[in-house]
C-alpha cells in the first residue's frame, strides 16, 4: 500500500542524507575519509542498481498484450467502452486507447446496462458461453472479442 510510504519516504531521505553527510564530514584522518566516501558512494550505487532492476519489471509489456491492444483498437470504434478479463490491469485498455472495465466482475447483461459495448476475454470456456448470446467480432486461439448488443 502506497499511502503510508508517501508520509515516511521524505523522512527517510532526510535521515539518509544527514547520515551520509555525517560520514563524509566526521573524520579528519585521510584513510577514514576515503573509506567513508567509498562506503557512501557504494551504498548509493547499490541502492540505484537494485531499485532499477526491481522497477524495470513493472514496465515490461508482453507481445500478446500489444497484439491484443492492436486488435481491440482496430475492431472497435474510438470512444467505445470495453470490458476485459485482465484482472484489474488497465494496460490493455491504455494501449488500445479505450475506456471501460479491466475485469469481468459483473454479468454481461449488467455491463450492457452500464454502457459496455464490447467484451474481450482470454478464457475459451467463457467465450463458448458468450457465443450463444452475443455476436463474436474476432477470435483466434487465445483472444475472443464480442459485441454486446
N, C-alpha and C. Protein backbone atom coordinates (compact mmCIF):
# COMPACT_ATOMS: atom_id res chain seq x y z
N UNK A 1 0.84 -1.18 0.00
CA UNK A 1 0.00 0.00 0.00
C UNK A 1 0.88 1.24 0.00
N UNK A 2 0.57 2.16 -0.87
CA UNK A 2 1.42 3.33 -1.06
C UNK A 2 1.12 4.46 -0.08
N UNK A 3 -0.02 4.46 0.56
CA UNK A 3 -0.42 5.61 1.35
C UNK A 3 0.52 5.87 2.52
N UNK A 4 1.07 4.86 3.15
CA UNK A 4 1.98 5.11 4.26
C UNK A 4 3.38 5.44 3.76
N UNK A 5 3.73 5.01 2.55
CA UNK A 5 5.05 5.32 2.01
C UNK A 5 5.16 6.81 1.68
N UNK A 6 4.05 7.42 1.30
CA UNK A 6 4.06 8.85 0.97
C UNK A 6 4.52 9.66 2.18
N UNK A 7 4.11 9.25 3.36
CA UNK A 7 4.45 10.01 4.56
C UNK A 7 5.87 9.72 5.06
N UNK A 8 6.36 8.52 4.89
CA UNK A 8 7.63 8.16 5.51
C UNK A 8 8.84 8.38 4.59
N UNK A 9 8.65 8.36 3.27
CA UNK A 9 9.79 8.48 2.36
C UNK A 9 10.56 9.80 2.51
N UNK A 10 9.91 10.95 2.63
CA UNK A 10 10.70 12.18 2.84
C UNK A 10 11.54 12.13 4.12
N UNK A 11 10.99 11.59 5.19
CA UNK A 11 11.74 11.49 6.43
C UNK A 11 12.94 10.55 6.28
N UNK A 12 12.74 9.43 5.59
CA UNK A 12 13.86 8.51 5.35
C UNK A 12 14.93 9.14 4.47
N UNK A 13 14.53 9.91 3.47
CA UNK A 13 15.51 10.57 2.59
C UNK A 13 16.33 11.60 3.37
N UNK A 14 15.67 12.35 4.24
CA UNK A 14 16.39 13.34 5.05
C UNK A 14 17.37 12.65 5.99
N UNK A 15 16.93 11.57 6.64
CA UNK A 15 17.81 10.84 7.56
C UNK A 15 19.00 10.23 6.81
N UNK A 16 18.76 9.68 5.63
CA UNK A 16 19.85 9.11 4.84
C UNK A 16 20.84 10.20 4.42
N UNK A 17 20.33 11.36 4.03
CA UNK A 17 21.21 12.47 3.66
C UNK A 17 22.03 12.97 4.83
N UNK A 18 21.41 13.09 5.98
CA UNK A 18 22.14 13.52 7.18
C UNK A 18 23.19 12.48 7.58
N UNK A 19 22.85 11.21 7.47
CA UNK A 19 23.81 10.16 7.79
C UNK A 19 24.99 10.16 6.84
N UNK A 20 24.72 10.33 5.54
CA UNK A 20 25.81 10.40 4.57
C UNK A 20 26.69 11.61 4.79
N UNK A 21 26.08 12.75 5.09
CA UNK A 21 26.87 13.96 5.37
C UNK A 21 27.71 13.79 6.63
N UNK A 22 27.16 13.14 7.64
CA UNK A 22 27.91 12.90 8.86
C UNK A 22 29.11 12.00 8.59
N UNK A 23 28.92 10.94 7.80
CA UNK A 23 30.04 10.05 7.48
C UNK A 23 31.14 10.78 6.72
N UNK A 24 30.74 11.64 5.80
CA UNK A 24 31.73 12.34 4.98
C UNK A 24 32.46 13.44 5.76
N UNK A 25 31.85 14.02 6.75
CA UNK A 25 32.45 15.14 7.47
C UNK A 25 32.99 14.77 8.85
N UNK A 26 32.73 13.55 9.32
CA UNK A 26 33.05 13.22 10.71
C UNK A 26 34.53 13.00 10.97
N UNK A 27 35.23 12.42 10.04
CA UNK A 27 36.62 12.04 10.32
C UNK A 27 37.58 13.04 9.70
N UNK A 28 38.63 13.36 10.46
CA UNK A 28 39.67 14.25 9.95
C UNK A 28 40.80 13.46 9.31
N UNK A 29 40.94 12.21 9.68
CA UNK A 29 42.03 11.38 9.14
C UNK A 29 41.70 10.99 7.70
N UNK A 30 42.70 11.07 6.83
CA UNK A 30 42.50 10.81 5.39
C UNK A 30 42.04 9.39 5.12
N UNK A 31 42.62 8.35 5.71
CA UNK A 31 42.15 6.99 5.40
C UNK A 31 40.67 6.78 5.76
N UNK A 32 40.23 7.37 6.87
CA UNK A 32 38.82 7.24 7.26
C UNK A 32 37.90 7.99 6.30
N UNK A 33 38.34 9.14 5.82
CA UNK A 33 37.53 9.91 4.86
C UNK A 33 37.40 9.15 3.55
N UNK A 34 38.48 8.52 3.10
CA UNK A 34 38.42 7.74 1.86
C UNK A 34 37.48 6.55 2.04
N UNK A 35 37.61 5.84 3.18
CA UNK A 35 36.74 4.70 3.44
C UNK A 35 35.28 5.13 3.52
N UNK A 36 35.02 6.22 4.24
CA UNK A 36 33.64 6.72 4.37
C UNK A 36 33.08 7.16 3.02
N UNK A 37 33.91 7.80 2.21
CA UNK A 37 33.46 8.22 0.88
C UNK A 37 33.12 7.02 0.01
N UNK A 38 33.98 6.02 0.03
CA UNK A 38 33.72 4.80 -0.74
C UNK A 38 32.46 4.11 -0.23
N UNK A 39 32.27 4.10 1.07
CA UNK A 39 31.08 3.48 1.66
C UNK A 39 29.80 4.20 1.21
N UNK A 40 29.79 5.52 1.27
CA UNK A 40 28.60 6.29 0.87
C UNK A 40 28.31 6.10 -0.61
N UNK A 41 29.34 6.18 -1.45
CA UNK A 41 29.14 6.01 -2.89
C UNK A 41 28.67 4.59 -3.21
N UNK A 42 29.23 3.58 -2.54
CA UNK A 42 28.82 2.20 -2.82
C UNK A 42 27.37 1.96 -2.38
N UNK A 43 26.96 2.55 -1.27
CA UNK A 43 25.56 2.42 -0.83
C UNK A 43 24.63 3.08 -1.84
N UNK A 44 24.99 4.26 -2.32
CA UNK A 44 24.15 4.95 -3.31
C UNK A 44 24.06 4.16 -4.61
N UNK A 45 25.19 3.65 -5.09
CA UNK A 45 25.19 2.89 -6.35
C UNK A 45 24.44 1.58 -6.21
N UNK A 46 24.63 0.88 -5.11
CA UNK A 46 23.91 -0.39 -4.94
C UNK A 46 22.41 -0.15 -4.77
N UNK A 47 22.03 0.91 -4.11
CA UNK A 47 20.60 1.24 -3.99
C UNK A 47 20.00 1.51 -5.35
N UNK A 48 20.68 2.28 -6.17
CA UNK A 48 20.18 2.56 -7.52
C UNK A 48 20.13 1.28 -8.34
N UNK A 49 21.17 0.47 -8.27
CA UNK A 49 21.24 -0.76 -9.07
C UNK A 49 20.09 -1.70 -8.74
N UNK A 50 19.87 -1.99 -7.47
CA UNK A 50 18.82 -2.92 -7.08
C UNK A 50 17.43 -2.34 -7.35
N UNK A 51 17.25 -1.05 -7.17
CA UNK A 51 15.96 -0.41 -7.47
C UNK A 51 15.65 -0.48 -8.95
N UNK A 52 16.64 -0.23 -9.77
CA UNK A 52 16.44 -0.23 -11.22
C UNK A 52 15.93 -1.59 -11.70
N UNK A 53 16.56 -2.65 -11.26
CA UNK A 53 16.16 -3.97 -11.73
C UNK A 53 14.84 -4.43 -11.13
N UNK A 54 14.47 -3.91 -9.97
CA UNK A 54 13.16 -4.22 -9.40
C UNK A 54 12.05 -3.49 -10.16
N UNK A 55 12.25 -2.22 -10.45
CA UNK A 55 11.23 -1.41 -11.11
C UNK A 55 11.15 -1.72 -12.60
N UNK A 56 12.21 -2.18 -13.20
CA UNK A 56 12.24 -2.48 -14.63
C UNK A 56 11.15 -3.48 -15.01
N UNK A 57 10.87 -4.44 -14.16
CA UNK A 57 9.84 -5.44 -14.45
C UNK A 57 8.44 -4.84 -14.50
N UNK A 58 8.22 -3.72 -13.84
CA UNK A 58 6.90 -3.10 -13.86
C UNK A 58 6.56 -2.54 -15.24
N UNK A 59 7.54 -2.29 -16.07
CA UNK A 59 7.32 -1.68 -17.37
C UNK A 59 7.49 -2.67 -18.52
N UNK A 60 7.52 -3.94 -18.23
CA UNK A 60 7.62 -4.95 -19.26
C UNK A 60 6.21 -5.32 -19.72
N UNK A 61 5.95 -5.15 -21.00
CA UNK A 61 4.64 -5.46 -21.58
C UNK A 61 4.83 -6.60 -22.56
N UNK A 62 4.01 -7.63 -22.42
CA UNK A 62 4.15 -8.80 -23.27
C UNK A 62 3.71 -8.50 -24.70
N UNK A 63 4.27 -9.24 -25.64
CA UNK A 63 3.88 -9.10 -27.05
C UNK A 63 2.41 -9.44 -27.24
N UNK A 64 1.91 -10.39 -26.47
CA UNK A 64 0.50 -10.77 -26.57
C UNK A 64 -0.40 -9.59 -26.22
N UNK A 65 -0.05 -8.84 -25.20
CA UNK A 65 -0.85 -7.69 -24.79
C UNK A 65 -0.82 -6.61 -25.87
N UNK A 66 0.33 -6.40 -26.48
CA UNK A 66 0.44 -5.39 -27.54
C UNK A 66 -0.38 -5.80 -28.76
N UNK A 67 -0.32 -7.08 -29.14
CA UNK A 67 -1.10 -7.56 -30.28
C UNK A 67 -2.60 -7.48 -29.99
N UNK A 68 -2.99 -7.84 -28.79
CA UNK A 68 -4.40 -7.77 -28.41
C UNK A 68 -4.89 -6.33 -28.40
N UNK A 69 -4.07 -5.40 -27.94
CA UNK A 69 -4.45 -3.99 -27.95
C UNK A 69 -4.63 -3.49 -29.38
N UNK A 70 -3.78 -3.95 -30.28
CA UNK A 70 -3.92 -3.56 -31.69
C UNK A 70 -5.22 -4.10 -32.27
N UNK A 71 -5.56 -5.34 -31.95
CA UNK A 71 -6.82 -5.93 -32.41
C UNK A 71 -7.99 -5.12 -31.86
N UNK A 72 -7.95 -4.82 -30.60
CA UNK A 72 -9.02 -4.07 -29.95
C UNK A 72 -9.16 -2.67 -30.54
N UNK A 73 -8.05 -2.01 -30.78
CA UNK A 73 -8.10 -0.66 -31.35
C UNK A 73 -8.58 -0.67 -32.79
N UNK A 74 -8.28 -1.73 -33.53
CA UNK A 74 -8.67 -1.81 -34.93
C UNK A 74 -10.15 -2.15 -35.09
N UNK A 75 -10.67 -3.03 -34.26
CA UNK A 75 -12.02 -3.55 -34.46
C UNK A 75 -13.11 -2.85 -33.66
N UNK A 76 -12.75 -1.97 -32.77
CA UNK A 76 -13.76 -1.23 -32.01
C UNK A 76 -13.64 0.25 -32.32
N UNK A 77 -14.77 0.95 -32.39
CA UNK A 77 -14.71 2.38 -32.69
C UNK A 77 -14.09 3.19 -31.53
N UNK A 78 -13.51 4.31 -31.89
CA UNK A 78 -12.95 5.21 -30.88
C UNK A 78 -14.08 5.69 -29.98
N UNK A 79 -13.83 5.67 -28.69
CA UNK A 79 -14.83 6.12 -27.73
C UNK A 79 -15.73 5.00 -27.22
N UNK A 80 -15.58 3.80 -27.73
CA UNK A 80 -16.41 2.70 -27.25
C UNK A 80 -15.92 2.22 -25.89
N UNK A 81 -16.83 1.67 -25.12
CA UNK A 81 -16.50 1.14 -23.80
C UNK A 81 -16.29 -0.37 -23.90
N UNK A 82 -15.20 -0.84 -23.29
CA UNK A 82 -14.79 -2.23 -23.42
C UNK A 82 -14.58 -2.83 -22.03
N UNK A 83 -15.00 -4.09 -21.88
CA UNK A 83 -14.70 -4.85 -20.67
C UNK A 83 -13.71 -5.95 -21.04
N UNK A 84 -12.69 -6.13 -20.23
CA UNK A 84 -11.69 -7.17 -20.48
C UNK A 84 -11.51 -8.01 -19.22
N UNK A 85 -10.98 -9.20 -19.39
CA UNK A 85 -10.72 -10.04 -18.21
C UNK A 85 -9.24 -10.04 -17.85
N UNK A 86 -8.69 -8.86 -17.72
CA UNK A 86 -7.27 -8.72 -17.37
C UNK A 86 -7.07 -8.54 -15.87
N UNK A 87 -8.02 -8.97 -15.08
CA UNK A 87 -7.97 -8.97 -13.61
C UNK A 87 -7.49 -7.64 -13.02
N UNK A 88 -8.05 -6.57 -13.51
CA UNK A 88 -7.76 -5.26 -12.95
C UNK A 88 -6.60 -4.51 -13.57
N UNK A 89 -5.86 -5.13 -14.47
CA UNK A 89 -4.72 -4.47 -15.12
C UNK A 89 -5.24 -3.65 -16.29
N UNK A 90 -5.04 -2.34 -16.24
CA UNK A 90 -5.57 -1.44 -17.26
C UNK A 90 -4.63 -1.25 -18.45
N UNK A 91 -3.53 -1.98 -18.51
CA UNK A 91 -2.55 -1.81 -19.58
C UNK A 91 -3.16 -2.04 -20.95
N UNK A 92 -3.96 -3.08 -21.11
CA UNK A 92 -4.58 -3.37 -22.40
C UNK A 92 -5.49 -2.24 -22.84
N UNK A 93 -6.32 -1.74 -21.96
CA UNK A 93 -7.21 -0.63 -22.30
C UNK A 93 -6.40 0.63 -22.64
N UNK A 94 -5.33 0.86 -21.92
CA UNK A 94 -4.48 2.02 -22.19
C UNK A 94 -3.83 1.93 -23.56
N UNK A 95 -3.27 0.76 -23.87
CA UNK A 95 -2.60 0.59 -25.16
C UNK A 95 -3.57 0.66 -26.33
N UNK A 96 -4.81 0.22 -26.12
CA UNK A 96 -5.82 0.26 -27.18
C UNK A 96 -6.51 1.62 -27.24
N UNK A 97 -6.23 2.50 -26.30
CA UNK A 97 -6.86 3.82 -26.21
C UNK A 97 -8.38 3.69 -26.10
N UNK A 98 -8.80 2.79 -25.21
CA UNK A 98 -10.22 2.58 -24.96
C UNK A 98 -10.48 2.69 -23.46
N UNK A 99 -11.72 3.04 -23.14
CA UNK A 99 -12.13 3.11 -21.74
C UNK A 99 -13.03 1.92 -21.45
N UNK A 100 -13.16 1.60 -20.17
CA UNK A 100 -14.04 0.51 -19.79
C UNK A 100 -13.63 -0.14 -18.49
N UNK A 101 -13.93 -1.44 -18.39
CA UNK A 101 -13.66 -2.21 -17.19
C UNK A 101 -12.50 -3.16 -17.42
N UNK A 102 -11.48 -3.16 -16.56
CA UNK A 102 -10.37 -4.10 -16.72
C UNK A 102 -10.62 -5.45 -16.04
N UNK A 103 -11.87 -5.71 -15.66
CA UNK A 103 -12.22 -7.01 -15.08
C UNK A 103 -13.68 -7.31 -15.38
N UNK A 104 -14.01 -8.58 -15.35
CA UNK A 104 -15.38 -9.02 -15.62
C UNK A 104 -16.06 -9.36 -14.30
N UNK A 105 -16.33 -8.35 -13.50
CA UNK A 105 -16.91 -8.55 -12.18
C UNK A 105 -18.42 -8.72 -12.23
N UNK A 106 -19.03 -8.38 -13.36
CA UNK A 106 -20.48 -8.46 -13.48
C UNK A 106 -20.87 -9.34 -14.65
N UNK A 107 -22.13 -9.70 -14.69
CA UNK A 107 -22.66 -10.43 -15.84
C UNK A 107 -22.69 -9.51 -17.05
N UNK A 108 -22.58 -10.07 -18.26
CA UNK A 108 -22.62 -9.24 -19.46
C UNK A 108 -23.88 -8.39 -19.57
N UNK A 109 -25.04 -8.90 -19.12
CA UNK A 109 -26.27 -8.12 -19.18
C UNK A 109 -26.19 -6.85 -18.35
N UNK A 110 -25.58 -6.96 -17.16
CA UNK A 110 -25.40 -5.78 -16.31
C UNK A 110 -24.40 -4.81 -16.93
N UNK A 111 -23.38 -5.36 -17.59
CA UNK A 111 -22.40 -4.49 -18.25
C UNK A 111 -23.04 -3.71 -19.39
N UNK A 112 -23.95 -4.35 -20.13
CA UNK A 112 -24.65 -3.66 -21.22
C UNK A 112 -25.46 -2.50 -20.65
N UNK A 113 -26.10 -2.71 -19.52
CA UNK A 113 -26.88 -1.64 -18.88
C UNK A 113 -25.98 -0.48 -18.44
N UNK A 114 -24.72 -0.78 -18.16
CA UNK A 114 -23.78 0.27 -17.75
C UNK A 114 -23.08 0.93 -18.93
N UNK A 115 -23.41 0.47 -20.15
CA UNK A 115 -22.87 1.12 -21.34
C UNK A 115 -21.73 0.40 -22.02
N UNK A 116 -21.34 -0.76 -21.51
CA UNK A 116 -20.26 -1.52 -22.14
C UNK A 116 -20.74 -2.06 -23.47
N UNK A 117 -19.96 -1.83 -24.52
CA UNK A 117 -20.36 -2.24 -25.87
C UNK A 117 -19.60 -3.46 -26.36
N UNK A 118 -18.39 -3.69 -25.82
CA UNK A 118 -17.56 -4.80 -26.28
C UNK A 118 -16.98 -5.53 -25.09
N UNK A 119 -16.77 -6.82 -25.26
CA UNK A 119 -16.18 -7.65 -24.22
C UNK A 119 -15.05 -8.46 -24.82
N UNK A 120 -13.88 -8.38 -24.20
CA UNK A 120 -12.72 -9.14 -24.65
C UNK A 120 -12.33 -10.11 -23.56
N UNK A 121 -12.16 -11.37 -23.93
CA UNK A 121 -11.77 -12.39 -22.95
C UNK A 121 -10.67 -13.28 -23.53
N UNK A 122 -9.89 -13.84 -22.63
CA UNK A 122 -8.87 -14.82 -22.99
C UNK A 122 -9.33 -16.23 -22.65
N UNK A 123 -10.46 -16.34 -21.98
CA UNK A 123 -10.97 -17.61 -21.48
C UNK A 123 -11.84 -18.29 -22.54
N UNK A 124 -11.37 -19.40 -23.09
CA UNK A 124 -12.09 -20.10 -24.14
C UNK A 124 -13.42 -20.67 -23.69
N UNK A 125 -13.49 -21.19 -22.46
CA UNK A 125 -14.75 -21.74 -21.94
C UNK A 125 -15.80 -20.64 -21.77
N UNK A 126 -15.37 -19.51 -21.27
CA UNK A 126 -16.29 -18.38 -21.12
C UNK A 126 -16.75 -17.88 -22.49
N UNK A 127 -15.84 -17.89 -23.47
CA UNK A 127 -16.18 -17.46 -24.82
C UNK A 127 -17.24 -18.37 -25.44
N UNK A 128 -17.19 -19.66 -25.16
CA UNK A 128 -18.21 -20.59 -25.68
C UNK A 128 -19.59 -20.22 -25.15
N UNK A 129 -19.66 -19.83 -23.89
CA UNK A 129 -20.94 -19.40 -23.31
C UNK A 129 -21.42 -18.10 -23.94
N UNK A 130 -20.48 -17.19 -24.17
CA UNK A 130 -20.85 -15.89 -24.74
C UNK A 130 -21.31 -16.01 -26.20
N UNK A 131 -20.76 -16.99 -26.94
CA UNK A 131 -21.14 -17.17 -28.34
C UNK A 131 -22.62 -17.47 -28.49
N UNK A 132 -23.21 -18.04 -27.47
CA UNK A 132 -24.64 -18.35 -27.52
C UNK A 132 -25.50 -17.11 -27.38
N UNK A 133 -24.96 -16.06 -26.79
CA UNK A 133 -25.75 -14.86 -26.51
C UNK A 133 -25.34 -13.63 -27.32
N UNK A 134 -24.06 -13.54 -27.67
CA UNK A 134 -23.56 -12.32 -28.30
C UNK A 134 -22.79 -12.64 -29.57
N UNK A 135 -22.68 -11.62 -30.40
CA UNK A 135 -22.01 -11.77 -31.69
C UNK A 135 -20.49 -11.68 -31.52
N UNK A 136 -19.77 -12.74 -31.94
CA UNK A 136 -18.31 -12.64 -31.89
C UNK A 136 -17.79 -11.78 -33.05
N UNK A 137 -16.94 -10.85 -32.75
CA UNK A 137 -16.35 -9.99 -33.78
C UNK A 137 -15.01 -10.56 -34.23
N UNK A 138 -14.26 -11.08 -33.29
CA UNK A 138 -12.94 -11.62 -33.59
C UNK A 138 -12.64 -12.72 -32.60
N UNK A 139 -12.01 -13.77 -33.08
CA UNK A 139 -11.49 -14.79 -32.19
C UNK A 139 -10.37 -15.54 -32.88
N UNK A 140 -9.42 -15.96 -32.08
CA UNK A 140 -8.35 -16.85 -32.53
C UNK A 140 -8.10 -17.85 -31.41
N UNK A 141 -6.95 -18.42 -31.34
CA UNK A 141 -6.71 -19.45 -30.32
C UNK A 141 -6.60 -18.91 -28.90
N UNK A 142 -6.46 -17.59 -28.72
CA UNK A 142 -6.29 -17.07 -27.36
C UNK A 142 -7.11 -15.83 -27.02
N UNK A 143 -7.65 -15.14 -28.03
CA UNK A 143 -8.38 -13.89 -27.77
C UNK A 143 -9.77 -13.99 -28.39
N UNK A 144 -10.77 -13.53 -27.63
CA UNK A 144 -12.15 -13.56 -28.10
C UNK A 144 -12.77 -12.19 -27.86
N UNK A 145 -13.29 -11.56 -28.91
CA UNK A 145 -13.89 -10.23 -28.80
C UNK A 145 -15.35 -10.32 -29.21
N UNK A 146 -16.24 -9.83 -28.35
CA UNK A 146 -17.68 -9.89 -28.59
C UNK A 146 -18.28 -8.49 -28.57
N UNK A 147 -19.30 -8.31 -29.40
CA UNK A 147 -20.09 -7.09 -29.37
C UNK A 147 -21.31 -7.36 -28.49
N UNK A 148 -21.49 -6.55 -27.48
CA UNK A 148 -22.61 -6.74 -26.54
C UNK A 148 -23.79 -5.90 -26.98
N UNK A 149 -24.71 -6.51 -27.70
CA UNK A 149 -25.95 -5.81 -28.13
C UNK A 149 -27.12 -6.70 -27.94
